[in-house]
Amino acid sequence: MSRVCQITGKSVMVGNNVSHSKRRTKRRFYPNLFDKKFYLPEEDRWIELRISAAGVRLINKLGLKGALTKAQEKGFIKNY
């Protein structure tokens, strides 16, 4: 699986490691992802999502169905 949140679309970012002598080497910043199961009462089934911590907060705010439809509109998830 790729390192992309299915709700917010957060993915890996690229930056620099900067040493004490200011020498720069490339590094990657990974999102804080979890594999988590959610119960979808409208369809009476469980779905498994790979989501970030920000995605969990967004689901708490909008509700699971609202977050899924918003992610589907933006193209982060095809079907659930």
Protein backbone atom coordinates (compact mmCIF):
# COMPACT_ATOMS: atom_id res chain seq x y z
CA MET A 1 0.00 0.00 0.00
CA SER A 2 1.12 3.52 -0.68
CA ARG A 3 1.72 6.02 2.09
CA VAL A 4 -1.30 8.22 1.34
CA CYS A 5 -4.25 9.06 3.59
CA GLN A 6 -7.52 8.00 2.00
CA ILE A 7 -9.49 10.81 3.68
CA THR A 8 -7.22 13.88 3.55
CA GLY A 9 -4.86 12.89 0.72
CA LYS A 10 -1.75 13.58 2.81
CA SER A 11 1.32 11.88 1.37
CA VAL A 12 5.10 11.79 1.74
CA MET A 13 6.91 15.15 1.62
CA VAL A 14 10.56 15.68 0.72
CA GLY A 15 12.96 17.92 2.62
CA ASN A 16 16.54 18.19 3.84
CA ASN A 17 18.51 16.87 6.77
CA VAL A 18 20.66 19.79 7.87
CA SER A 19 23.78 18.94 9.83
CA HIS A 20 25.63 21.18 12.27
CA SER A 21 27.94 22.27 9.43
CA LYS A 22 24.81 23.14 7.34
CA ARG A 23 25.42 20.27 4.91
CA ARG A 24 22.14 19.20 3.32
CA THR A 25 21.05 15.69 2.37
CA LYS A 26 17.61 14.64 1.16
CA ARG A 27 15.12 13.01 3.51
CA ARG A 28 11.43 12.10 3.53
CA PHE A 29 8.69 13.21 5.91
CA TYR A 30 6.09 10.45 6.30
CA PRO A 31 2.46 11.12 7.31
CA ASN A 32 1.17 9.63 10.56
CA LEU A 33 -0.90 6.77 9.07
CA PHE A 34 -3.03 4.07 10.67
CA ASP A 35 -4.89 1.07 9.27
CA LYS A 36 -8.27 1.45 10.98
CA LYS A 37 -11.68 -0.20 10.67
CA PHE A 38 -14.87 1.86 10.83
CA TYR A 39 -18.47 0.71 11.02
CA LEU A 40 -20.72 2.25 8.37
CA PRO A 41 -24.28 1.96 9.77
CA GLU A 42 -25.95 3.18 6.54
CA GLU A 43 -24.70 0.08 4.73
CA ASP A 44 -24.46 -2.18 7.83
CA ARG A 45 -20.83 -3.16 7.20
CA TRP A 46 -17.25 -2.49 8.27
CA ILE A 47 -14.77 -0.66 6.04
CA GLU A 48 -11.00 -0.55 6.45
CA LEU A 49 -9.21 2.72 5.73
CA ARG A 50 -5.59 3.81 5.77
CA ILE A 51 -5.91 7.25 7.35
CA SER A 52 -3.77 9.87 9.04
CA ALA A 53 -4.31 11.29 12.51
CA ALA A 54 -5.81 14.38 10.85
CA GLY A 55 -8.17 12.07 8.97
CA VAL A 56 -9.39 10.56 12.25
CA ARG A 57 -10.14 14.05 13.56
CA LEU A 58 -11.94 14.92 10.33
CA ILE A 59 -14.12 11.80 10.65
CA ASN A 60 -14.95 12.80 14.24
CA LYS A 61 -15.93 16.26 13.01
CA LEU A 62 -17.92 15.45 9.84
CA GLY A 63 -19.01 11.90 10.54
CA LEU A 64 -17.86 8.86 8.57
CA LYS A 65 -20.34 9.21 5.69
CA GLY A 66 -19.61 12.94 5.28
CA ALA A 67 -15.84 12.43 5.28
CA LEU A 68 -16.10 9.58 2.76
CA THR A 69 -18.23 11.58 0.32
CA LYS A 70 -15.90 14.58 0.60
CA ALA A 71 -12.85 12.36 -0.04
CA GLN A 72 -14.62 10.78 -3.01
CA GLU A 73 -15.40 14.22 -4.49
CA LYS A 74 -11.75 15.23 -4.20
CA GLY A 75 -10.57 11.95 -5.71
CA PHE A 76 -8.68 10.58 -2.72
CA ILE A 77 -10.79 7.42 -2.65
CA LYS A 78 -12.61 5.76 -5.56
CA ASN A 79 -15.16 3.61 -3.75
CA TYR A 80 -15.67 2.35 -0.25
